[in-house]
Every structure is written in structure tokens, then in C-alpha cells.
Amino acid sequence: MATSQLTASSVTASARNLASLQGLRLSTVKFSSFGTLKPGALTSRSFKRLVVKAATVVAPKYTSVKPLGDRVLVKIKETEEKTEGGILLPTTAQSKPQGGEVVAVGEGKTIGNTKLESSVKTGAQVIYSKYAGTEVEFNGANHLLLKEDDIVGLLETDDIKDLKPLNDRVFIKVSEAEEKTAGGLLLTEASKEKPSIGTVIAVGPGTLDEEGNLKPLSVSPGNTVLYSKYAGNDFKGNDGSNYIALRASDVMAVLY
């Protein structure tokens, strides 16, 4: 009979769980500590302080994933392992990617009696909310399965300032933080108050009502706006400027 092995990452067997092992229908059980044990040779005494090392279970391999509904499958852009100056980054310092390429889309969603196709197409380069979706690994690459509404916008270049927001998203260039107090004291990075004022760079096409009609947003490019302090997703442009993409509902006022 063929030799059989337990498939668990790490199991500590003791006398009190011997009964669960005795239920296995094995002709021969192989342990690294004892070699090969024949049926009938296993006793409670044999398992005292015995540590069983077993092989890791290999997950099944999938070659394709078909999103359902308004979900989108994105191939995640690889993490930058070096700075622009060529310095190798440790794993803890590597920023989590927020962009990738759309490789598959669902059939869309229904609003009222209106059937709507996905607004993103296969091959599009997108930016998505930082903690959205579910990661799936197949074909040797990391993918993210997320709802279309979690996609912030399209980005066809390497500079975030060129982001084209989708749906009800607003893309804002953040005003610079004050570097000094009113009394002239220089502020450290940690003590600088996070700005909540900025200039609108681009806006999405708007939201859909219950009948599927497009409702434009109430802000326009060029507006100076006040927005919720901890809303949205932060980005840094190639020129060092700070940007934020958030929902129109997080914009509280237009400043004149």
C-alpha cells in the first residue's frame, strides 16, 4: 500500500486527540520523528509530546476569473521596490499599489428598469480606493476583484495629476499646509495640520438617478472647495504636489 501523509501546516498531537488520528484509514503513516509506523503501532504513549510536521496544502490553480454584476477584475500594478534615486526599499516601506489594468468586467448593473454596462473597459488603466476589493492570485500575478464604484478614475500616464475621475468623484489639488504658526514658529511635518482646502482639477460625469438619468455634479474644475478632513484617497504628484480624490458628497462648500 502507498505511504500516506497528513496535510496540515503544523499539528501538535497528544494523547487526548489520538482518537481523531485512529479514524484515518491508512495502511502506513509516516512521521519525520519516528520513520514509518505500521498499523497497530500507534498508542497514546507514542503521541506524547509528538510534533507532526506536514506538507502545506496547495490551493487549486485557476486560469481565469469572470466577474459578476458590476464587479471588475484588475491586475494589480507591481509595488515599487526602489526609490527614484535607486535606493532599495524594505518590504515595510513599499507603498501598497492603488492602480492596475482592467482585465475583465461584469455584465453591469440595473437601476430601476435601466440596464447599465460597465463604464470601464478591458485594458483601461485605473486607480481604485486603497482598501477596496478582494485580492485573488492566479496565473502568477496578483489581481483585485472589486465593484466598479470603488474605481476612482482612469490614469493613462505615470503622473497622478492626469487622473480622470469616474462617477461622482472629484479630483482636488490640496492647498499647501502652513509651515509656521502665527507667532512665526516652524512646524514639523507631524505637527502640520492636514489641509482641507484645495482647487478642483477634474470631476466625474456625475451620478445616476433611479431612472438611469445622469445628474451632473455641483462643483466644477477651478473651484476652490472645503472638504471633509479625512475623506478620500491621497496621492502625491511627480512634482511633489499633494492631491486627493473624494466623492462629491464629501465637498462641503465652494469658497469665493
Protein backbone atom coordinates (compact mmCIF):
# COMPACT_ATOMS: atom_id res chain seq x y z
CA MET A 1 0.00 0.00 0.00
CA ALA A 2 1.15 3.58 -0.65
CA THR A 3 2.56 5.70 2.14
CA SER A 4 0.13 8.45 3.25
CA GLN A 5 1.00 11.83 4.82
CA LEU A 6 -1.05 14.24 6.90
CA THR A 7 -1.70 17.56 5.13
CA ALA A 8 -1.67 20.34 7.70
CA SER A 9 0.68 23.27 8.20
CA SER A 10 1.71 22.25 11.73
CA VAL A 11 -0.06 19.94 14.17
CA THR A 12 0.85 19.02 17.73
CA ALA A 13 -0.61 15.64 18.57
CA SER A 14 -1.22 14.50 22.12
CA ALA A 15 -2.84 11.55 23.78
CA ARG A 16 -6.21 13.24 24.06
CA ASN A 17 -6.59 13.73 20.27
CA LEU A 18 -5.33 10.26 19.36
CA ALA A 19 -8.89 9.18 18.66
CA SER A 20 -9.13 11.56 15.69
CA LEU A 21 -6.00 10.04 14.16
CA GLN A 22 -7.19 6.50 14.75
CA GLY A 23 -10.16 7.21 12.48
CA LEU A 24 -7.84 7.61 9.48
CA ARG A 25 -7.92 4.62 7.15
CA LEU A 26 -4.22 4.44 6.41
CA SER A 27 -2.12 1.36 5.86
CA THR A 28 1.05 3.22 6.75
CA VAL A 29 1.56 6.61 8.41
CA LYS A 30 4.89 8.38 8.00
CA PHE A 31 6.32 10.77 10.62
CA SER A 32 9.68 12.56 10.42
CA SER A 33 10.41 11.85 14.10
CA PHE A 34 9.64 8.11 14.09
CA GLY A 35 10.10 6.99 10.48
CA THR A 36 7.38 4.66 9.19
CA LEU A 37 4.87 3.24 11.66
CA LYS A 38 2.77 0.18 10.83
CA PRO A 39 -0.93 -0.16 11.67
CA GLY A 40 -1.43 -1.13 15.32
CA ALA A 41 1.82 0.52 16.38
CA LEU A 42 0.14 3.82 17.35
CA THR A 43 -0.66 4.13 21.05
CA SER A 44 -1.43 7.02 23.36
CA ARG A 45 2.12 6.74 24.71
CA SER A 46 3.54 7.10 21.20
CA PHE A 47 1.91 10.50 20.77
CA LYS A 48 3.10 12.10 23.98
CA ARG A 49 4.85 15.41 23.11
CA LEU A 50 4.96 14.38 19.43
CA VAL A 51 5.10 17.25 16.91
CA VAL A 52 3.88 16.39 13.43
CA LYS A 53 5.35 18.39 10.51
CA ALA A 54 3.27 18.07 7.37
CA ALA A 55 3.23 19.48 3.85
CA THR A 56 1.39 22.70 3.04
CA VAL A 57 -1.84 22.21 1.14
CA VAL A 58 -1.52 23.65 -2.37
CA ALA A 59 -4.51 25.76 -3.44
CA PRO A 60 -6.11 24.86 -6.78
CA LYS A 61 -4.87 26.88 -9.76
CA TYR A 62 -7.33 28.97 -11.75
CA THR A 63 -6.65 30.24 -15.25
CA SER A 64 -9.43 32.83 -15.46
CA VAL A 65 -11.97 34.70 -13.33
CA LYS A 66 -15.28 36.07 -14.65
CA PRO A 67 -16.64 39.00 -12.59
CA LEU A 68 -20.38 39.11 -11.97
CA GLY A 69 -22.70 42.11 -11.89
CA ASP A 70 -20.92 45.45 -11.63
CA ARG A 71 -17.64 43.92 -10.49
CA VAL A 72 -14.32 44.47 -12.24
CA LEU A 73 -11.15 42.38 -12.23
CA VAL A 74 -7.94 44.42 -12.12
CA LYS A 75 -4.38 43.15 -12.48
CA ILE A 76 -2.51 44.96 -9.73
CA LYS A 77 0.45 47.11 -10.67
CA GLU A 78 3.65 45.82 -9.10
CA THR A 79 4.95 47.54 -5.96
CA GLU A 80 7.87 49.90 -6.41
CA GLU A 81 10.91 48.24 -4.84
CA LYS A 82 13.25 51.20 -5.34
CA THR A 83 13.07 54.96 -4.95
CA GLU A 84 13.63 57.25 -7.93
CA GLY A 85 17.23 57.59 -6.73
CA GLY A 86 17.72 53.81 -6.90
CA ILE A 87 17.59 53.09 -3.16
CA LEU A 88 16.19 49.62 -2.43
CA LEU A 89 13.10 49.80 -0.23
CA PRO A 90 12.40 47.26 2.54
CA THR A 91 9.05 45.49 2.34
CA THR A 92 7.58 47.60 5.16
CA ALA A 93 8.41 50.84 3.31
CA GLN A 94 6.91 49.82 -0.01
CA SER A 95 3.58 51.57 -0.58
CA LYS A 96 0.59 49.43 -1.40
CA PRO A 97 -0.33 49.81 -5.10
CA GLN A 98 -3.60 51.57 -5.89
CA GLY A 99 -3.59 51.07 -9.63
CA GLY A 100 -3.69 48.41 -12.29
CA GLU A 101 -5.09 47.22 -15.60
CA VAL A 102 -8.68 46.08 -16.11
CA VAL A 103 -8.60 42.50 -17.42
CA ALA A 104 -12.29 41.58 -17.14
CA VAL A 105 -15.62 43.28 -16.40
CA GLY A 106 -19.02 42.04 -15.33
CA GLU A 107 -22.27 42.41 -17.25
CA GLY A 108 -23.12 45.69 -15.48
CA LYS A 109 -25.87 46.71 -13.09
CA THR A 110 -29.55 47.56 -13.19
CA ILE A 111 -31.00 50.84 -11.88
CA GLY A 112 -34.78 50.79 -11.91
CA ASN A 113 -35.71 49.40 -15.31
CA THR A 114 -32.47 50.54 -16.91
CA LYS A 115 -29.64 48.09 -17.63
CA LEU A 116 -26.24 49.82 -17.48
CA GLU A 117 -22.99 48.45 -18.84
CA SER A 118 -19.72 48.99 -17.03
CA SER A 119 -18.15 52.43 -17.59
CA VAL A 120 -14.65 50.91 -17.70
CA LYS A 121 -13.37 48.68 -20.46
CA THR A 122 -10.86 45.87 -20.65
CA GLY A 123 -7.34 47.27 -20.98
CA ALA A 124 -8.07 50.53 -19.14
CA GLN A 125 -5.52 51.72 -16.57
CA VAL A 126 -7.37 52.58 -13.36
CA ILE A 127 -6.85 53.92 -9.86
CA TYR A 128 -9.02 52.43 -7.10
CA SER A 129 -9.78 53.05 -3.43
CA LYS A 130 -6.92 51.88 -1.25
CA TYR A 131 -8.70 49.22 0.81
CA ALA A 132 -11.32 48.13 -1.72
CA GLY A 133 -11.95 44.70 -3.17
CA THR A 134 -10.69 41.17 -2.65
CA GLU A 135 -7.24 40.05 -3.75
CA VAL A 136 -7.04 36.96 -5.99
CA GLU A 137 -3.82 35.33 -7.15
CA PHE A 138 -3.73 33.30 -10.37
CA ASN A 139 -1.55 32.91 -13.46
CA GLY A 140 1.40 34.04 -11.35
CA ALA A 141 0.04 37.57 -10.77
CA ASN A 142 -1.97 39.42 -8.12
CA HIS A 143 -5.42 40.63 -9.09
CA LEU A 144 -8.15 42.60 -7.34
CA LEU A 145 -11.85 41.87 -7.67
CA LEU A 146 -13.81 44.99 -6.79
CA LYS A 147 -17.00 46.88 -7.53
CA GLU A 148 -16.93 49.44 -10.32
CA ASP A 149 -17.95 52.10 -7.80
CA ASP A 150 -14.63 51.54 -5.97
CA ILE A 151 -12.68 52.69 -9.04
CA VAL A 152 -11.66 56.32 -8.50
CA GLY A 153 -10.71 57.13 -12.09
CA LEU A 154 -8.71 56.43 -15.23
CA LEU A 155 -5.00 57.17 -15.44
CA GLU A 156 -3.26 56.68 -18.78
CA THR A 157 0.04 58.36 -17.75
CA ASP A 158 2.52 57.94 -14.89
CA ASP A 159 1.52 61.22 -13.19
CA ILE A 160 -1.48 61.30 -10.88
CA LYS A 161 -2.29 64.89 -11.89
CA ASP A 162 -3.70 63.45 -15.15
CA LEU A 163 -6.34 61.37 -13.33
CA LYS A 164 -9.81 61.39 -14.95
CA PRO A 165 -12.38 60.83 -12.16
CA LEU A 166 -15.33 58.48 -12.66
CA ASN A 167 -18.93 58.72 -11.47
CA ASP A 168 -19.30 61.13 -8.52
CA ARG A 169 -15.57 61.53 -7.79
CA VAL A 170 -13.89 64.93 -7.53
CA PHE A 171 -10.12 65.32 -8.01
CA ILE A 172 -8.54 68.14 -5.99
CA LYS A 173 -5.08 69.68 -5.73
CA VAL A 174 -4.55 70.19 -1.99
CA SER A 175 -3.52 73.60 -0.70
CA GLU A 176 -0.10 73.60 0.96
CA ALA A 177 -0.02 73.16 4.73
CA GLU A 178 1.07 76.07 6.88
CA GLU A 179 4.76 75.68 7.78
CA LYS A 180 4.73 78.30 10.55
CA THR A 181 2.44 79.29 13.37
CA ALA A 182 1.00 82.80 13.66
CA GLY A 183 3.87 83.57 16.02
CA GLY A 184 6.49 82.50 13.47
CA LEU A 185 7.40 79.09 14.93
CA LEU A 186 8.47 76.49 12.36
CA LEU A 187 6.20 73.44 12.34
CA THR A 188 7.44 69.87 11.99
CA GLU A 189 5.79 67.52 9.48
CA ALA A 190 3.98 65.72 12.31
CA SER A 191 2.52 68.91 13.75
CA LYS A 192 1.37 70.47 10.47
CA GLU A 193 -2.41 70.45 10.29
CA LYS A 194 -3.76 68.46 7.37
CA PRO A 195 -5.29 70.92 4.85
CA SER A 196 -8.95 70.51 3.93
CA ILE A 197 -8.98 73.20 1.23
CA GLY A 198 -7.98 72.74 -2.37
CA THR A 199 -8.62 73.52 -6.02
CA VAL A 200 -10.78 71.21 -8.14
CA ILE A 201 -8.71 69.80 -11.04
CA ALA A 202 -11.29 67.45 -12.58
CA VAL A 203 -14.72 65.99 -11.84
CA GLY A 204 -16.54 62.83 -12.82
CA PRO A 205 -19.58 62.82 -15.14
CA GLY A 206 -21.98 62.61 -12.19
CA THR A 207 -24.38 60.16 -10.59
CA LEU A 208 -27.40 58.31 -11.95
CA ASP A 209 -30.89 58.73 -10.56
CA GLU A 210 -33.41 55.90 -10.12
CA GLU A 211 -34.44 56.19 -13.76
CA GLY A 212 -30.86 55.96 -15.01
CA ASN A 213 -30.55 59.66 -15.90
CA LEU A 214 -27.20 61.36 -15.36
CA LYS A 215 -27.14 64.04 -12.65
CA PRO A 216 -24.11 66.38 -13.03
CA LEU A 217 -22.04 67.34 -10.00
CA SER A 218 -22.40 70.72 -8.29
CA VAL A 219 -18.69 71.60 -8.44
CA SER A 220 -16.52 72.40 -11.47
CA PRO A 221 -12.81 72.46 -12.32
CA GLY A 222 -11.24 75.65 -10.99
CA ASN A 223 -13.47 75.86 -7.88
CA THR A 224 -11.76 76.32 -4.53
CA VAL A 225 -13.52 73.99 -2.12
CA LEU A 226 -13.67 72.97 1.52
CA TYR A 227 -13.92 69.21 2.01
CA SER A 228 -14.19 66.70 4.84
CA LYS A 229 -10.86 66.42 6.59
CA TYR A 230 -10.33 62.65 6.47
CA ALA A 231 -12.26 61.75 3.33
CA GLY A 232 -11.00 60.30 0.09
CA ASN A 233 -7.70 58.90 -1.17
CA ASP A 234 -4.47 60.88 -1.00
CA PHE A 235 -1.88 60.95 -3.80
CA LYS A 236 1.40 62.72 -4.48
CA GLY A 237 2.22 64.00 -7.96
CA ASN A 238 5.55 63.77 -9.73
CA ASP A 239 6.14 67.45 -8.92
CA GLY A 240 5.68 66.82 -5.20
CA SER A 241 2.19 68.36 -5.03
CA ASN A 242 -0.50 66.67 -2.97
CA TYR A 243 -3.81 65.59 -4.49
CA ILE A 244 -6.95 63.96 -3.16
CA ALA A 245 -9.80 62.13 -4.88
CA LEU A 246 -13.09 62.03 -2.99
CA ARG A 247 -16.83 61.79 -3.53
CA ALA A 248 -18.77 64.93 -4.32
CA SER A 249 -20.78 64.40 -1.11
CA ASP A 250 -17.56 64.99 0.87
CA VAL A 251 -17.21 68.51 -0.57
CA MET A 252 -18.83 70.79 1.99
CA ALA A 253 -18.59 74.21 0.35
CA VAL A 254 -17.28 76.28 -2.55
CA LEU A 255 -15.07 79.18 -1.43
CA TYR A 256 -15.02 82.56 -3.21
